[in-house]
Amino acid sequence: MNKIQFIEDLKEKDIVVKSIFFVSKKELKKTRQNKDYLFLTLKDKTGELSAFLFENVDSFKDLFEEESYIFVEGITNEFNQNINLRISKIEKVDESNINIEDFLTQKGVDGETFFSDVLDFIDENVKDKHVKKLIGMVLSDPHVVAAIKEHPAALKMHHAIRGGLVEHVLSMLKLSKKIVEHYRDFPSDAGIKINEDLLYAGVIFHDIGKMWEISGKNENYSFSDEGKLLGHISIGFDLVSKYIDKIPEFPSTLKLCILHLILSHHGEREYGSPVTPKIPEALILHYVDNLDAKLYSIFNSRKSSRNAMWTSNQNALRKEIFIGCSNDNSEEKIENEESDGDEIPF
């Protein structure tokens, strides 16, 4: 079914509405006369709209749930200088019959391609049979496969878009490989070398718990009960522990180190890690995670700033960042090249 009307077009009262919307919130309430009515928050790519159903509530209240798509008929109304929708009819719409882009305020990323790139990276770069087996088992879990392609990496601070989690993981894998290559031949009196298979496992697993910590879909995300009570670090620790225990003769020290990476990746106890990094790979993981999150946030906070030289303070650093030194000055260079001024004699 094609979406004909968008919320941004419903700015006046008495507009007849016949269109599809995403239900981001659904509540059964009581009027002052103690009669049931439905209160809905409807959404599409252009905004949100409050909607009410007062008639035939029993016929429609169990027809659909939150985070589903419905076709509604109704008419716009004005209350307290705000436009809302009074619904007269509702039909549930199969998600396979809608164009998802009509309901997403942000473009998101191609999670399918990024996930395929992650699998290719693991296939090409991970050599340890136990680590490869473990990653393969987790990344073939149906819930993980579906969620990692769609989930954001966070609700606000960084990669907070559809597919942001797998984008963050892939970026961290690439950064980690650069660090591994840089220090591969670094002289060490203690004979210490970076275990790159362990590091890559840490990248894959460090935020795996966010697929349970954050619930929802199509940008309608919030923290789940499990997320609020346990947090993604403990959820990820428990998940990976259970998968490791399914693999016969998995080395005990390797298990210990993988779980340490998950627990320590926030770096400090005050930021949610129960332990601080105590192996080289954990230190790298923490800084790569931090760097990727903060740079992504800075690059994207520029979009919401009206000042060409400064970002907004809506980023992981919680402060404005001067980007005058980092701007693309190609236009200025072209103007200088085209000027008719005298050459400077040096």
Protein backbone atom coordinates (compact mmCIF):
# COMPACT_ATOMS: atom_id res chain seq x y z
CA MET A 1 0.00 0.00 0.00
CA ASN A 2 1.32 3.43 -0.91
CA LYS A 3 1.47 6.16 1.71
CA ILE A 4 -0.39 9.16 0.32
CA GLN A 5 -0.44 11.69 3.17
CA PHE A 6 2.40 12.69 5.47
CA ILE A 7 2.20 14.27 8.91
CA GLU A 8 3.97 17.44 7.80
CA ASP A 9 1.00 18.12 5.50
CA LEU A 10 -1.57 17.89 8.30
CA LYS A 11 -1.18 21.42 9.63
CA GLU A 12 -4.82 22.49 9.64
CA LYS A 13 -8.04 21.22 11.14
CA ASP A 14 -10.78 19.50 9.14
CA ILE A 15 -8.38 17.68 6.79
CA VAL A 16 -9.72 14.27 5.80
CA VAL A 17 -7.01 11.69 6.43
CA LYS A 18 -6.69 8.28 4.79
CA SER A 19 -3.16 7.02 5.14
CA ILE A 20 -0.70 4.58 6.75
CA PHE A 21 1.21 5.41 9.93
CA PHE A 22 3.60 3.73 12.34
CA VAL A 23 2.24 3.36 15.88
CA SER A 24 5.01 4.44 18.26
CA LYS A 25 2.70 4.59 21.30
CA LYS A 26 -0.68 3.05 22.17
CA GLU A 27 -2.69 3.59 25.35
CA LEU A 28 -6.19 2.60 26.41
CA LYS A 29 -7.59 5.42 28.54
CA LYS A 30 -10.83 6.57 30.17
CA THR A 31 -12.87 9.67 29.43
CA ARG A 32 -14.41 11.75 32.22
CA GLN A 33 -17.55 9.72 31.63
CA ASN A 34 -15.52 6.56 32.31
CA LYS A 35 -15.69 5.37 28.70
CA ASP A 36 -12.74 3.71 26.98
CA TYR A 37 -10.83 5.53 24.27
CA LEU A 38 -7.57 4.89 22.43
CA PHE A 39 -4.74 7.40 22.49
CA LEU A 40 -2.08 6.84 19.81
CA THR A 41 1.14 8.51 18.80
CA LEU A 42 1.48 8.08 15.05
CA LYS A 43 4.69 8.58 13.17
CA ASP A 44 6.15 8.84 9.68
CA LYS A 45 9.36 10.28 8.28
CA THR A 46 8.06 13.86 8.63
CA GLY A 47 7.06 13.82 12.29
CA GLU A 48 4.65 12.63 14.97
CA LEU A 49 0.93 13.18 15.49
CA SER A 50 -1.35 12.53 18.47
CA ALA A 51 -4.50 10.60 17.55
CA PHE A 52 -7.69 9.59 19.35
CA LEU A 53 -10.32 6.92 18.77
CA PHE A 54 -13.56 7.32 20.72
CA GLU A 55 -16.06 5.20 18.77
CA ASN A 56 -16.08 1.40 18.42
CA VAL A 57 -13.10 1.08 20.73
CA ASP A 58 -13.80 -2.61 21.44
CA SER A 59 -13.59 -3.37 17.72
CA PHE A 60 -10.15 -1.85 17.30
CA LYS A 61 -8.29 -1.97 20.63
CA ASP A 62 -6.90 -5.49 20.10
CA LEU A 63 -6.41 -5.21 16.35
CA PHE A 64 -2.83 -3.92 16.55
CA GLU A 65 0.02 -3.29 18.98
CA GLU A 66 2.70 -0.67 19.46
CA GLU A 67 5.43 -0.71 16.81
CA SER A 68 3.04 -1.84 14.09
CA TYR A 69 1.64 -0.18 10.98
CA ILE A 70 -1.98 0.82 10.57
CA PHE A 71 -4.14 2.41 7.91
CA VAL A 72 -6.40 5.03 9.46
CA GLU A 73 -9.32 7.13 8.36
CA GLY A 74 -10.19 10.26 10.27
CA ILE A 75 -10.19 14.03 10.37
CA THR A 76 -7.75 16.51 11.86
CA ASN A 77 -8.79 18.53 14.88
CA GLU A 78 -7.25 21.46 16.76
CA PHE A 79 -6.86 21.50 20.54
CA ASN A 80 -4.71 23.93 22.55
CA GLN A 81 -3.24 25.22 19.27
CA ASN A 82 -2.02 21.74 18.36
CA ILE A 83 -3.28 19.60 15.50
CA ASN A 84 -4.37 16.06 16.34
CA LEU A 85 -6.29 13.35 14.55
CA ARG A 86 -9.71 11.98 15.44
CA ILE A 87 -9.84 8.45 14.04
CA SER A 88 -12.99 6.76 12.77
CA LYS A 89 -11.52 3.57 11.30
CA ILE A 90 -8.36 1.45 11.65
CA GLU A 91 -6.95 -1.40 9.57
CA LYS A 92 -3.78 -3.29 10.41
CA VAL A 93 -1.16 -3.25 7.63
CA ASP A 94 1.34 -6.03 6.96
CA GLU A 95 4.88 -4.66 7.29
CA SER A 96 5.86 -6.38 4.04
CA ASN A 97 3.44 -4.13 2.20
CA ILE A 98 4.93 -0.79 3.21
CA ASN A 99 7.95 1.24 2.09
CA ILE A 100 10.06 1.50 5.25
CA GLU A 101 11.72 4.73 4.05
CA ASP A 102 8.37 6.52 4.42
CA PHE A 103 8.61 6.07 8.19
CA LEU A 104 12.26 6.77 9.04
CA THR A 105 13.35 10.29 9.95
CA GLN A 106 17.00 9.38 9.44
CA LYS A 107 18.38 7.57 6.45
CA GLY A 108 20.24 4.95 8.46
CA VAL A 109 22.94 2.76 6.96
CA ASP A 110 23.04 -0.40 4.88
CA GLY A 111 23.21 -2.88 7.74
CA GLU A 112 23.02 -5.84 5.38
CA THR A 113 26.19 -4.82 3.53
CA PHE A 114 28.03 -3.86 6.71
CA PHE A 115 27.18 -7.22 8.31
CA SER A 116 28.47 -9.02 5.23
CA ASP A 117 31.68 -6.97 5.47
CA VAL A 118 32.05 -7.97 9.14
CA LEU A 119 31.73 -11.66 8.22
CA ASP A 120 34.31 -11.23 5.44
CA PHE A 121 36.69 -9.49 7.85
CA ILE A 122 36.43 -12.32 10.38
CA ASP A 123 36.90 -14.95 7.68
CA GLU A 124 40.03 -13.25 6.35
CA ASN A 125 41.68 -12.14 9.61
CA VAL A 126 40.78 -14.52 12.45
CA LYS A 127 42.98 -17.61 12.54
CA ASP A 128 42.43 -19.16 16.00
CA LYS A 129 39.98 -22.04 15.59
CA HIS A 130 38.31 -21.49 18.97
CA VAL A 131 37.79 -17.77 18.44
CA LYS A 132 36.53 -18.32 14.91
CA LYS A 133 34.11 -21.02 16.10
CA LEU A 134 32.79 -18.77 18.86
CA ILE A 135 32.27 -15.74 16.61
CA GLY A 136 30.62 -17.94 13.99
CA MET A 137 28.17 -19.36 16.52
CA VAL A 138 27.18 -15.96 17.90
CA LEU A 139 26.87 -14.29 14.50
CA SER A 140 24.63 -17.09 13.24
CA ASP A 141 22.19 -16.69 16.13
CA PRO A 142 18.90 -15.64 14.42
CA HIS A 143 18.23 -12.86 16.93
CA VAL A 144 21.76 -11.48 16.57
CA VAL A 145 21.68 -11.63 12.77
CA ALA A 146 18.40 -9.71 12.60
CA ALA A 147 19.20 -7.22 15.36
CA ILE A 148 22.78 -6.27 14.49
CA LYS A 149 21.71 -5.08 11.02
CA GLU A 150 18.99 -2.81 12.41
CA HIS A 151 20.01 -1.76 15.91
CA PRO A 152 21.58 1.59 16.78
CA ALA A 153 24.78 1.50 18.83
CA ALA A 154 23.24 3.93 21.33
CA LEU A 155 20.09 5.95 21.89
CA LYS A 156 21.76 9.37 21.60
CA MET A 157 25.51 9.74 21.87
CA HIS A 158 26.93 7.92 18.83
CA HIS A 159 25.81 5.78 15.89
CA ALA A 160 22.25 6.37 17.09
CA ILE A 161 20.71 5.41 13.76
CA ARG A 162 19.25 2.29 12.19
CA GLY A 163 22.19 -0.05 11.51
CA GLY A 164 24.52 2.05 13.67
CA LEU A 165 25.68 -0.90 15.77
CA VAL A 166 27.09 -2.92 12.88
CA GLU A 167 28.58 0.26 11.38
CA HIS A 168 30.36 0.91 14.69
CA VAL A 169 31.63 -2.70 14.90
CA LEU A 170 32.98 -2.68 11.34
CA SER A 171 34.70 0.67 11.86
CA MET A 172 36.32 -0.63 15.06
CA LEU A 173 37.53 -3.80 13.32
CA LYS A 174 39.26 -1.71 10.66
CA LEU A 175 40.82 0.62 13.23
CA SER A 176 41.97 -2.32 15.34
CA LYS A 177 43.66 -3.93 12.36
CA LYS A 178 45.63 -0.73 11.70
CA ILE A 179 46.84 -0.74 15.30
CA VAL A 180 47.75 -4.44 15.13
CA GLU A 181 49.77 -3.82 11.96
CA HIS A 182 51.53 -0.81 13.48
CA TYR A 183 52.66 -2.70 16.60
CA ARG A 184 53.22 -6.10 14.99
CA ASP A 185 57.01 -5.72 14.90
CA PHE A 186 57.27 -3.45 17.93
CA PRO A 187 60.27 -4.57 20.00
CA SER A 188 59.33 -5.98 23.40
CA ASP A 189 61.82 -7.21 25.96
CA ALA A 190 59.01 -9.21 27.55
CA GLY A 191 58.11 -10.89 24.26
CA ILE A 192 54.61 -9.37 24.33
CA LYS A 193 52.62 -9.34 21.10
CA ILE A 194 49.07 -8.28 20.45
CA ASN A 195 46.70 -11.22 20.10
CA GLU A 196 44.73 -9.91 17.16
CA ASP A 197 42.20 -12.76 17.17
CA LEU A 198 41.39 -11.93 20.79
CA LEU A 199 41.12 -8.23 19.97
CA TYR A 200 38.75 -8.83 17.06
CA ALA A 201 36.60 -11.06 19.27
CA GLY A 202 36.41 -8.20 21.77
CA VAL A 203 35.27 -5.80 19.06
CA ILE A 204 32.53 -8.20 17.95
CA PHE A 205 31.32 -8.92 21.49
CA HIS A 206 31.85 -5.67 23.40
CA ASP A 207 28.39 -4.25 22.57
CA ILE A 208 26.58 -7.51 21.79
CA GLY A 209 24.36 -6.99 24.83
CA LYS A 210 22.90 -3.82 23.30
CA MET A 211 20.65 -5.99 21.14
CA TRP A 212 18.81 -6.84 24.37
CA GLU A 213 19.50 -3.62 26.28
CA ILE A 214 17.78 -1.52 23.60
CA SER A 215 14.35 -2.55 22.37
CA GLY A 216 12.11 -1.31 19.57
CA LYS A 217 12.39 -0.86 15.85
CA ASN A 218 12.24 1.74 13.10
CA GLU A 219 13.78 4.46 15.32
CA ASN A 220 11.22 3.84 18.07
CA TYR A 221 13.96 2.72 20.46
CA SER A 222 14.15 2.78 24.24
CA PHE A 223 15.87 0.87 27.04
CA SER A 224 14.23 -2.48 27.77
CA ASP A 225 13.53 -3.68 31.32
CA GLU A 226 16.51 -6.01 30.94
CA GLY A 227 18.63 -3.10 29.76
CA LYS A 228 17.67 -0.87 32.66
CA LEU A 229 18.17 -3.57 35.28
CA LEU A 230 21.24 -5.36 33.92
CA GLY A 231 22.92 -3.20 31.27
CA HIS A 232 24.57 -4.34 28.05
CA ILE A 233 27.91 -5.25 29.66
CA SER A 234 26.46 -7.89 31.97
CA ILE A 235 24.03 -9.09 29.29
CA GLY A 236 26.91 -9.53 26.83
CA PHE A 237 29.07 -11.25 29.46
CA ASP A 238 26.33 -13.78 30.17
CA LEU A 239 25.54 -14.40 26.49
CA VAL A 240 29.15 -15.00 25.41
CA SER A 241 29.85 -17.14 28.49
CA LYS A 242 27.02 -19.48 27.54
CA TYR A 243 28.24 -19.80 23.96
CA ILE A 244 31.81 -20.52 25.09
CA ASP A 245 30.55 -23.29 27.34
CA LYS A 246 29.01 -24.99 24.30
CA ILE A 247 32.42 -25.36 22.62
CA PRO A 248 34.36 -28.47 23.74
CA GLU A 249 37.88 -27.90 25.08
CA PHE A 250 37.69 -24.11 24.82
CA PRO A 251 40.90 -22.82 26.48
CA SER A 252 40.18 -21.46 29.95
CA THR A 253 42.62 -18.55 29.66
CA LEU A 254 41.14 -17.52 26.30
CA LYS A 255 37.68 -17.56 27.84
CA LEU A 256 38.89 -15.43 30.73
CA CYS A 257 40.45 -12.87 28.39
CA ILE A 258 37.41 -12.62 26.08
CA LEU A 259 35.12 -12.04 29.04
CA HIS A 260 37.56 -9.49 30.47
CA LEU A 261 37.36 -7.54 27.19
CA ILE A 262 33.58 -7.31 27.51
CA LEU A 263 33.66 -6.28 31.16
CA SER A 264 36.42 -3.68 30.84
CA HIS A 265 35.65 -1.97 27.53
CA HIS A 266 34.21 1.21 29.15
CA GLY A 267 37.63 1.74 30.69
CA GLU A 268 36.69 2.92 34.16
CA ARG A 269 34.31 1.81 36.89
CA GLU A 270 32.69 5.24 36.93
CA TYR A 271 31.65 4.66 33.29
CA GLY A 272 30.06 1.26 33.95
CA SER A 273 32.89 -1.25 33.68
CA PRO A 274 33.17 -3.51 36.74
CA VAL A 275 36.89 -3.91 36.00
CA THR A 276 39.48 -1.74 34.23
CA PRO A 277 41.54 -3.00 31.25
CA LYS A 278 44.33 -5.28 32.42
CA ILE A 279 45.55 -6.83 29.16
CA PRO A 280 46.92 -5.01 26.07
CA GLU A 281 43.96 -6.04 23.90
CA ALA A 282 41.50 -4.64 26.44
CA LEU A 283 43.33 -1.31 26.46
CA ILE A 284 43.23 -1.14 22.66
CA LEU A 285 39.55 -2.11 22.61
CA HIS A 286 38.65 0.62 25.10
CA TYR A 287 40.45 3.38 23.20
CA VAL A 288 39.28 2.27 19.77
CA ASP A 289 35.68 2.13 21.02
CA ASN A 290 36.04 5.56 22.61
CA LEU A 291 37.73 7.09 19.57
CA ASP A 292 35.23 5.77 17.06
CA ALA A 293 32.26 6.86 19.18
CA LYS A 294 33.59 10.36 19.82
CA LEU A 295 34.74 11.11 16.28
CA TYR A 296 31.46 9.84 14.83
CA SER A 297 29.60 12.06 17.28
CA ILE A 298 31.70 15.11 16.40
CA PHE A 299 31.30 14.60 12.66
CA ASN A 300 27.54 14.36 13.04
CA SER A 301 27.13 17.20 15.54
CA ARG A 302 28.35 19.53 12.79
CA LYS A 303 25.04 18.91 11.00
CA SER A 304 23.04 20.51 13.81
CA SER A 305 25.28 23.57 14.16
CA ARG A 306 24.61 26.90 12.47
CA ASN A 307 28.20 27.98 12.93
CA ALA A 308 30.56 26.92 10.16
CA MET A 309 33.55 26.88 12.51
CA TRP A 310 32.07 25.08 15.52
CA THR A 311 30.00 21.94 16.09
CA SER A 312 27.03 21.96 18.43
CA ASN A 313 27.61 20.62 21.94
CA GLN A 314 25.31 17.67 21.22
CA ASN A 315 28.06 15.07 21.04
CA ALA A 316 29.81 12.47 23.15
CA LEU A 317 32.27 15.08 24.43
CA ARG A 318 29.40 17.33 25.59
CA LYS A 319 31.16 20.46 24.34
CA GLU A 320 31.57 22.49 21.19
CA ILE A 321 34.47 21.46 18.96
CA PHE A 322 36.32 23.94 16.74
CA ILE A 323 36.51 22.59 13.19
CA GLY A 324 37.92 25.65 11.46
CA CYS A 325 41.21 23.80 10.99
CA SER A 326 39.44 20.71 9.66
CA ASN A 327 37.00 22.27 7.20
CA ASP A 328 37.23 21.62 3.48
CA ASN A 329 38.51 24.95 2.16
CA SER A 330 38.39 23.89 -1.49
CA GLU A 331 36.03 26.71 -2.46
CA GLU A 332 38.33 29.28 -0.89
CA LYS A 333 41.30 27.75 -2.74
CA ILE A 334 39.46 27.94 -6.05
CA GLU A 335 38.59 31.60 -5.45
CA ASN A 336 42.22 32.39 -4.66
CA GLU A 337 43.41 30.63 -7.81
CA GLU A 338 40.98 32.61 -9.93
CA SER A 339 41.90 36.02 -8.43
CA ASP A 340 43.73 38.53 -10.63
CA GLY A 341 45.99 39.83 -7.89
CA ASP A 342 49.76 40.22 -8.32
CA GLU A 343 51.94 37.22 -7.61
CA ILE A 344 53.71 37.27 -4.29
CA PRO A 345 57.45 37.32 -5.10
CA PHE A 346 58.71 34.31 -3.16
